[in-house]
Amino acid sequence: MQVLSCRRGAPLMEMPEYRETHHRSPGGIDMPRPRPVGAPRDGRGFTLVELMITMAVAVVLIMIAVPSFRTMTLSNKLTTVANDMVGAINVARMEAIKSNSFTQLCSDSSANNTSDPLGNACNTSPQPGAVYALINGAPTPVRAPVAGIVMPLKFNGSMAALRFSGNGLGYGVGTTTPFDNTVADICTSSISADNHRVIKMHSGSIIVTSTSSGACP
C-alpha cells in the first residue's frame, strides 16, 4: 500500500499523486479512478489461463519424471542386493578361513543345499545368502539371509549353494572342483534394460558382478 504524505492541513485532492488515482464524484466524495481497459493489473495473483498453463506444464514434467525415477529406484535396488550377495560370499569365505572349518552359502533351493548338516540348516526355511559354519560338528549361523530379494526382484532360476573349506576356496556343494559358474542372477521384469545383476565365481575365489538386459521369467 502506498502511503502519501502531505503538509499539515493540505487537502488530499491538491496532491498530484492522489489525483492520478482518485477523482471527486458530483456528490463531493473522493473515489478511485477506474482502471483503463488493457491496463496492467495492480495485484500479484494468477489469471485462470496462467494457472491452467502452469498445471499443464507440471503434469507433463511429472509424466516424464515418474518412469525415470522408478527405473532408477529399481536399478539401485538390484545393485544393492547384488552387493549384499557378494558380501555374503566373502563372509562365508572369511569364516571358513578363520575357523578352519567348512561353511556354506545357502541357496534358495533345497536341492542345491543338499541334506547334510550344513544343507539341512540352510533348508530350515528359504534363506538365500545365509551363511552357516560347521563348528564342532554342529551348524552355527554366521550371517542372516540377504534381504530385498522380493517382488519385483527375483532370481532368474535358482542361486547356487557354495561350500567353503579352510583354504578359502569355494566349491559347489557335493563337488570337489572349485566353483566356476554363476552364483546368482537377480533380475526384475519391471524394467526392460539393465535389469539383471549376474554374480559369478571363477576358480573358486574370483567374484565378478555384471549388468545385462533380457527377459526375467
C-alpha atoms as a PDB file:
ATOM      1  CA  MET A   1       0.000   0.000   0.000  1.00  0.00           C
ATOM      2  CA  GLN A   2       1.343   3.442  -0.962  1.00  0.00           C
ATOM      3  CA  VAL A   3       1.469   5.968   1.842  1.00  0.00           C
ATOM      4  CA  LEU A   4       1.045   9.593   0.738  1.00  0.00           C
ATOM      5  CA  SER A   5       2.430  12.362   2.831  1.00  0.00           C
ATOM      6  CA  CYS A   6       1.298  15.950   2.649  1.00  0.00           C
ATOM      7  CA  ARG A   7       1.805  19.135   4.533  1.00  0.00           C
ATOM      8  CA  ARG A   8      -0.370  19.582   7.589  1.00  0.00           C
ATOM      9  CA  GLY A   9      -3.895  20.667   6.688  1.00  0.00           C
ATOM     10  CA  ALA A  10      -3.480  20.318   2.883  1.00  0.00           C
ATOM     11  CA  PRO A  11      -6.438  18.546   1.125  1.00  0.00           C
ATOM     12  CA  LEU A  12      -5.516  15.239  -0.495  1.00  0.00           C
ATOM     13  CA  MET A  13      -7.063  16.256  -3.822  1.00  0.00           C
ATOM     14  CA  GLU A  14      -4.442  19.004  -4.141  1.00  0.00           C
ATOM     15  CA  MET A  15      -1.716  16.361  -4.310  1.00  0.00           C
ATOM     16  CA  PRO A  16      -0.775  15.244  -7.899  1.00  0.00           C
ATOM     17  CA  GLU A  17      -0.149  11.656  -6.824  1.00  0.00           C
ATOM     18  CA  TYR A  18      -3.588  11.427  -5.262  1.00  0.00           C
ATOM     19  CA  ARG A  19      -5.371  12.984  -8.265  1.00  0.00           C
ATOM     20  CA  GLU A  20      -3.769  10.353 -10.562  1.00  0.00           C
ATOM     21  CA  THR A  21      -5.535   7.555  -8.758  1.00  0.00           C
ATOM     22  CA  HIS A  22      -8.706   9.258  -7.464  1.00  0.00           C
ATOM     23  CA  HIS A  23     -11.424  11.606  -8.666  1.00  0.00           C
ATOM     24  CA  ARG A  24     -14.164  13.539  -6.927  1.00  0.00           C
ATOM     25  CA  SER A  25     -17.716  12.498  -7.643  1.00  0.00           C
ATOM     26  CA  PRO A  26     -20.502  15.051  -8.196  1.00  0.00           C
ATOM     27  CA  GLY A  27     -21.544  14.376  -4.618  1.00  0.00           C
ATOM     28  CA  GLY A  28     -18.154  15.538  -3.378  1.00  0.00           C
ATOM     29  CA  ILE A  29     -16.850  12.065  -2.466  1.00  0.00           C
ATOM     30  CA  ASP A  30     -13.311  11.023  -3.349  1.00  0.00           C
ATOM     31  CA  MET A  31     -13.409   7.771  -5.374  1.00  0.00           C
ATOM     32  CA  PRO A  32     -10.706   5.643  -7.039  1.00  0.00           C
ATOM     33  CA  ARG A  33     -10.373   6.177 -10.759  1.00  0.00           C
ATOM     34  CA  PRO A  34     -11.488   3.146 -12.850  1.00  0.00           C
ATOM     35  CA  ARG A  35      -8.664   1.079 -14.362  1.00  0.00           C
ATOM     36  CA  PRO A  36      -8.438   1.595 -18.149  1.00  0.00           C
ATOM     37  CA  VAL A  37      -9.201  -1.416 -20.324  1.00  0.00           C
ATOM     38  CA  GLY A  38      -5.969  -3.315 -21.066  1.00  0.00           C
ATOM     39  CA  ALA A  39      -4.020  -1.625 -18.296  1.00  0.00           C
ATOM     40  CA  PRO A  40      -1.779  -3.933 -16.237  1.00  0.00           C
ATOM     41  CA  ARG A  41      -3.282  -5.345 -13.066  1.00  0.00           C
ATOM     42  CA  ASP A  42      -2.097  -3.975  -9.753  1.00  0.00           C
ATOM     43  CA  GLY A  43      -2.493  -7.324  -7.902  1.00  0.00           C
ATOM     44  CA  ARG A  44       0.057 -10.150  -7.794  1.00  0.00           C
ATOM     45  CA  GLY A  45      -2.216 -13.162  -8.469  1.00  0.00           C
ATOM     46  CA  PHE A  46      -2.502 -15.604 -11.393  1.00  0.00           C
ATOM     47  CA  THR A  47      -5.105 -15.409 -14.101  1.00  0.00           C
ATOM     48  CA  LEU A  48      -7.062 -18.571 -14.866  1.00  0.00           C
ATOM     49  CA  VAL A  49      -5.173 -19.008 -18.163  1.00  0.00           C
ATOM     50  CA  GLU A  50      -1.809 -18.683 -16.425  1.00  0.00           C
ATOM     51  CA  LEU A  51      -2.853 -21.220 -13.816  1.00  0.00           C
ATOM     52  CA  MET A  52      -4.006 -23.729 -16.463  1.00  0.00           C
ATOM     53  CA  ILE A  53      -0.742 -23.379 -18.385  1.00  0.00           C
ATOM     54  CA  THR A  54       1.282 -23.900 -15.200  1.00  0.00           C
ATOM     55  CA  MET A  55      -0.702 -27.022 -14.319  1.00  0.00           C
ATOM     56  CA  ALA A  56      -0.299 -28.444 -17.833  1.00  0.00           C
ATOM     57  CA  VAL A  57       3.474 -27.969 -17.715  1.00  0.00           C
ATOM     58  CA  ALA A  58       3.604 -29.581 -14.257  1.00  0.00           C
ATOM     59  CA  VAL A  59       1.642 -32.635 -15.470  1.00  0.00           C
ATOM     60  CA  VAL A  60       3.972 -33.112 -18.449  1.00  0.00           C
ATOM     61  CA  LEU A  61       7.044 -32.895 -16.214  1.00  0.00           C
ATOM     62  CA  ILE A  62       5.574 -35.437 -13.785  1.00  0.00           C
ATOM     63  CA  MET A  63       4.739 -37.858 -16.605  1.00  0.00           C
ATOM     64  CA  ILE A  64       8.349 -37.678 -17.773  1.00  0.00           C
ATOM     65  CA  ALA A  65       9.937 -37.867 -14.325  1.00  0.00           C
ATOM     66  CA  VAL A  66       7.954 -40.687 -12.674  1.00  0.00           C
ATOM     67  CA  PRO A  67       9.015 -43.542 -15.043  1.00  0.00           C
ATOM     68  CA  SER A  68      12.632 -42.390 -14.899  1.00  0.00           C
ATOM     69  CA  PHE A  69      12.523 -42.278 -11.116  1.00  0.00           C
ATOM     70  CA  ARG A  70      11.045 -45.794 -10.921  1.00  0.00           C
ATOM     71  CA  THR A  71      13.714 -47.147 -13.272  1.00  0.00           C
ATOM     72  CA  MET A  72      16.460 -45.540 -11.204  1.00  0.00           C
ATOM     73  CA  THR A  73      14.987 -46.883  -7.954  1.00  0.00           C
ATOM     74  CA  LEU A  74      14.747 -50.468  -9.227  1.00  0.00           C
ATOM     75  CA  SER A  75      18.234 -50.304 -10.715  1.00  0.00           C
ATOM     76  CA  ASN A  76      19.608 -49.149  -7.362  1.00  0.00           C
ATOM     77  CA  LYS A  77      17.765 -51.976  -5.576  1.00  0.00           C
ATOM     78  CA  LEU A  78      19.261 -54.555  -7.941  1.00  0.00           C
ATOM     79  CA  THR A  79      22.740 -53.196  -7.349  1.00  0.00           C
ATOM     80  CA  THR A  80      22.249 -53.108  -3.580  1.00  0.00           C
ATOM     81  CA  VAL A  81      21.030 -56.718  -3.429  1.00  0.00           C
ATOM     82  CA  ALA A  82      23.878 -57.890  -5.670  1.00  0.00           C
ATOM     83  CA  ASN A  83      26.412 -56.142  -3.433  1.00  0.00           C
ATOM     84  CA  ASP A  84      24.849 -57.774  -0.368  1.00  0.00           C
ATOM     85  CA  MET A  85      25.150 -61.176  -2.024  1.00  0.00           C
ATOM     86  CA  VAL A  86      28.822 -60.570  -2.801  1.00  0.00           C
ATOM     87  CA  GLY A  87      29.274 -59.565   0.840  1.00  0.00           C
ATOM     88  CA  ALA A  88      27.662 -62.843   1.949  1.00  0.00           C
ATOM     89  CA  ILE A  89      30.048 -64.831  -0.243  1.00  0.00           C
ATOM     90  CA  ASN A  90      33.016 -63.041   1.291  1.00  0.00           C
ATOM     91  CA  VAL A  91      31.691 -63.648   4.808  1.00  0.00           C
ATOM     92  CA  ALA A  92      31.405 -67.382   4.071  1.00  0.00           C
ATOM     93  CA  ARG A  93      34.967 -67.480   2.757  1.00  0.00           C
ATOM     94  CA  MET A  94      36.482 -65.493   5.622  1.00  0.00           C
ATOM     95  CA  GLU A  95      34.631 -67.512   8.271  1.00  0.00           C
ATOM     96  CA  ALA A  96      35.900 -70.762   6.746  1.00  0.00           C
ATOM     97  CA  ILE A  97      39.474 -69.469   6.869  1.00  0.00           C
ATOM     98  CA  LYS A  98      39.125 -68.042  10.381  1.00  0.00           C
ATOM     99  CA  SER A  99      37.574 -71.164  11.914  1.00  0.00           C
ATOM    100  CA  ASN A 100      39.456 -73.593   9.623  1.00  0.00           C
ATOM    101  CA  SER A 101      36.170 -75.381   9.051  1.00  0.00           C
ATOM    102  CA  PHE A 102      33.512 -75.750   6.406  1.00  0.00           C
ATOM    103  CA  THR A 103      30.964 -73.026   5.776  1.00  0.00           C
ATOM    104  CA  GLN A 104      28.030 -72.879   3.402  1.00  0.00           C
ATOM    105  CA  LEU A 105      26.403 -70.060   1.492  1.00  0.00           C
ATOM    106  CA  CYS A 106      22.757 -71.110   1.363  1.00  0.00           C
ATOM    107  CA  SER A 107      20.736 -71.328  -1.825  1.00  0.00           C
ATOM    108  CA  ASP A 108      17.021 -70.670  -2.187  1.00  0.00           C
ATOM    109  CA  SER A 109      16.773 -74.266  -3.463  1.00  0.00           C
ATOM    110  CA  SER A 110      16.745 -77.245  -1.085  1.00  0.00           C
ATOM    111  CA  ALA A 111      18.093 -79.456  -3.861  1.00  0.00           C
ATOM    112  CA  ASN A 112      21.142 -77.213  -4.218  1.00  0.00           C
ATOM    113  CA  ASN A 113      21.726 -77.106  -0.466  1.00  0.00           C
ATOM    114  CA  THR A 114      21.648 -80.938  -0.165  1.00  0.00           C
ATOM    115  CA  SER A 115      20.764 -82.712   3.092  1.00  0.00           C
ATOM    116  CA  ASP A 116      23.968 -82.949   5.118  1.00  0.00           C
ATOM    117  CA  PRO A 117      24.190 -80.955   8.416  1.00  0.00           C
ATOM    118  CA  LEU A 118      25.029 -77.630   6.756  1.00  0.00           C
ATOM    119  CA  GLY A 119      22.487 -78.216   3.990  1.00  0.00           C
ATOM    120  CA  ASN A 120      19.756 -79.093   6.474  1.00  0.00           C
ATOM    121  CA  ALA A 121      20.474 -75.884   8.386  1.00  0.00           C
ATOM    122  CA  CYS A 122      20.016 -73.932   5.144  1.00  0.00           C
ATOM    123  CA  ASN A 123      16.788 -75.795   4.417  1.00  0.00           C
ATOM    124  CA  THR A 124      15.034 -74.856   7.659  1.00  0.00           C
ATOM    125  CA  SER A 125      13.430 -72.012   5.654  1.00  0.00           C
ATOM    126  CA  PRO A 126      14.204 -70.202   2.406  1.00  0.00           C
ATOM    127  CA  GLN A 127      17.476 -68.483   3.310  1.00  0.00           C
ATOM    128  CA  PRO A 128      19.224 -67.326   0.125  1.00  0.00           C
ATOM    129  CA  GLY A 129      22.527 -65.760   1.071  1.00  0.00           C
ATOM    130  CA  ALA A 130      22.558 -67.002   4.676  1.00  0.00           C
ATOM    131  CA  VAL A 131      25.863 -68.415   5.930  1.00  0.00           C
ATOM    132  CA  TYR A 132      26.372 -71.341   8.316  1.00  0.00           C
ATOM    133  CA  ALA A 133      29.646 -72.655   9.703  1.00  0.00           C
ATOM    134  CA  LEU A 134      30.281 -76.209  10.897  1.00  0.00           C
ATOM    135  CA  ILE A 135      31.681 -75.691  14.406  1.00  0.00           C
ATOM    136  CA  ASN A 136      32.428 -78.834  16.444  1.00  0.00           C
ATOM    137  CA  GLY A 137      30.233 -80.795  14.074  1.00  0.00           C
ATOM    138  CA  ALA A 138      27.197 -78.508  14.543  1.00  0.00           C
ATOM    139  CA  PRO A 139      25.884 -75.906  12.082  1.00  0.00           C
ATOM    140  CA  THR A 140      26.251 -72.411  13.524  1.00  0.00           C
ATOM    141  CA  PRO A 141      24.591 -69.352  11.938  1.00  0.00           C
ATOM    142  CA  VAL A 142      27.099 -66.735  10.821  1.00  0.00           C
ATOM    143  CA  ARG A 143      25.110 -64.397   8.605  1.00  0.00           C
ATOM    144  CA  ALA A 144      21.416 -63.738   8.049  1.00  0.00           C
ATOM    145  CA  PRO A 145      19.853 -64.208   4.588  1.00  0.00           C
ATOM    146  CA  VAL A 146      20.221 -61.443   2.021  1.00  0.00           C
ATOM    147  CA  ALA A 147      17.226 -59.157   2.331  1.00  0.00           C
ATOM    148  CA  GLY A 148      15.496 -57.429  -0.546  1.00  0.00           C
ATOM    149  CA  ILE A 149      15.016 -60.350  -2.944  1.00  0.00           C
ATOM    150  CA  VAL A 150      11.259 -59.847  -3.062  1.00  0.00           C
ATOM    151  CA  MET A 151       8.959 -58.861  -5.903  1.00  0.00           C
ATOM    152  CA  PRO A 152       9.531 -57.167  -8.232  1.00  0.00           C
ATOM    153  CA  LEU A 153      13.088 -58.545  -7.729  1.00  0.00           C
ATOM    154  CA  LYS A 154      13.665 -62.294  -8.031  1.00  0.00           C
ATOM    155  CA  PHE A 155      16.168 -64.951  -9.030  1.00  0.00           C
ATOM    156  CA  ASN A 156      16.448 -65.975 -12.652  1.00  0.00           C
ATOM    157  CA  GLY A 157      16.408 -69.677 -11.907  1.00  0.00           C
ATOM    158  CA  SER A 158      17.882 -70.550  -8.508  1.00  0.00           C
ATOM    159  CA  MET A 159      21.133 -69.454  -6.908  1.00  0.00           C
ATOM    160  CA  ALA A 160      23.986 -71.846  -6.273  1.00  0.00           C
ATOM    161  CA  ALA A 161      24.907 -73.210  -2.863  1.00  0.00           C
ATOM    162  CA  LEU A 162      28.606 -72.763  -2.143  1.00  0.00           C
ATOM    163  CA  ARG A 163      30.700 -74.760   0.325  1.00  0.00           C
ATOM    164  CA  PHE A 164      33.958 -73.160   1.518  1.00  0.00           C
ATOM    165  CA  SER A 165      36.821 -75.058   3.102  1.00  0.00           C
ATOM    166  CA  GLY A 166      39.529 -73.827   5.442  1.00  0.00           C
ATOM    167  CA  ASN A 167      41.729 -72.844   2.488  1.00  0.00           C
ATOM    168  CA  GLY A 168      39.151 -70.238   1.405  1.00  0.00           C
ATOM    169  CA  LEU A 169      38.172 -71.894  -1.865  1.00  0.00           C
ATOM    170  CA  GLY A 170      34.512 -72.252  -2.794  1.00  0.00           C
ATOM    171  CA  TYR A 171      33.034 -75.450  -4.190  1.00  0.00           C
ATOM    172  CA  GLY A 172      29.632 -76.460  -5.410  1.00  0.00           C
ATOM    173  CA  VAL A 173      28.008 -78.462  -2.602  1.00  0.00           C
ATOM    174  CA  GLY A 174      28.816 -82.135  -3.116  1.00  0.00           C
ATOM    175  CA  THR A 175      31.682 -81.478  -5.571  1.00  0.00           C
ATOM    176  CA  THR A 176      35.465 -81.397  -5.228  1.00  0.00           C
ATOM    177  CA  THR A 177      36.162 -78.943  -8.045  1.00  0.00           C
ATOM    178  CA  PRO A 178      36.499 -75.205  -7.303  1.00  0.00           C
ATOM    179  CA  PHE A 179      33.307 -73.474  -8.359  1.00  0.00           C
ATOM    180  CA  ASP A 180      33.437 -71.767 -11.775  1.00  0.00           C
ATOM    181  CA  ASN A 181      29.960 -70.690 -12.733  1.00  0.00           C
ATOM    182  CA  THR A 182      27.095 -68.315 -11.982  1.00  0.00           C
ATOM    183  CA  VAL A 183      26.299 -67.957  -8.294  1.00  0.00           C
ATOM    184  CA  ALA A 184      23.121 -65.893  -8.745  1.00  0.00           C
ATOM    185  CA  ASP A 185      21.251 -63.958 -11.415  1.00  0.00           C
ATOM    186  CA  ILE A 186      18.979 -61.378  -9.774  1.00  0.00           C
ATOM    187  CA  CYS A 187      16.550 -59.620 -12.101  1.00  0.00           C
ATOM    188  CA  THR A 188      13.272 -57.755 -12.461  1.00  0.00           C
ATOM    189  CA  SER A 189      10.700 -57.616 -15.250  1.00  0.00           C
ATOM    190  CA  SER A 190       9.569 -54.130 -14.185  1.00  0.00           C
ATOM    191  CA  ILE A 191      12.299 -52.519 -16.286  1.00  0.00           C
ATOM    192  CA  SER A 192      13.487 -53.633 -19.709  1.00  0.00           C
ATOM    193  CA  ALA A 193      17.130 -52.543 -19.851  1.00  0.00           C
ATOM    194  CA  ASP A 194      19.990 -53.343 -17.457  1.00  0.00           C
ATOM    195  CA  ASN A 195      17.531 -55.415 -15.441  1.00  0.00           C
ATOM    196  CA  HIS A 196      19.892 -58.274 -14.467  1.00  0.00           C
ATOM    197  CA  ARG A 197      22.742 -58.387 -11.935  1.00  0.00           C
ATOM    198  CA  VAL A 198      24.750 -61.544 -12.546  1.00  0.00           C
ATOM    199  CA  ILE A 199      27.224 -62.728  -9.893  1.00  0.00           C
ATOM    200  CA  LYS A 200      29.815 -65.264 -10.994  1.00  0.00           C
ATOM    201  CA  MET A 201      32.685 -67.000  -9.267  1.00  0.00           C
ATOM    202  CA  HIS A 202      35.779 -68.155 -11.135  1.00  0.00           C
ATOM    203  CA  SER A 203      38.244 -70.755  -9.871  1.00  0.00           C
ATOM    204  CA  GLY A 204      36.531 -70.885  -6.501  1.00  0.00           C
ATOM    205  CA  SER A 205      37.691 -67.425  -5.436  1.00  0.00           C
ATOM    206  CA  ILE A 206      37.318 -64.638  -8.031  1.00  0.00           C
ATOM    207  CA  ILE A 207      33.929 -62.902  -7.868  1.00  0.00           C
ATOM    208  CA  VAL A 208      32.677 -60.886 -10.831  1.00  0.00           C
ATOM    209  CA  THR A 209      29.409 -58.934 -10.974  1.00  0.00           C
ATOM    210  CA  SER A 210      27.981 -57.795 -14.300  1.00  0.00           C
ATOM    211  CA  THR A 211      24.882 -55.993 -15.597  1.00  0.00           C
ATOM    212  CA  SER A 212      22.858 -57.288 -18.507  1.00  0.00           C
ATOM    213  CA  SER A 213      19.462 -56.916 -20.169  1.00  0.00           C
ATOM    214  CA  GLY A 214      16.907 -59.560 -21.033  1.00  0.00           C
ATOM    215  CA  ALA A 215      13.722 -61.311 -20.030  1.00  0.00           C
ATOM    216  CA  CYS A 216      13.213 -62.041 -16.349  1.00  0.00           C
ATOM    217  CA  PRO A 217      10.957 -65.104 -16.250  1.00  0.00           C
END
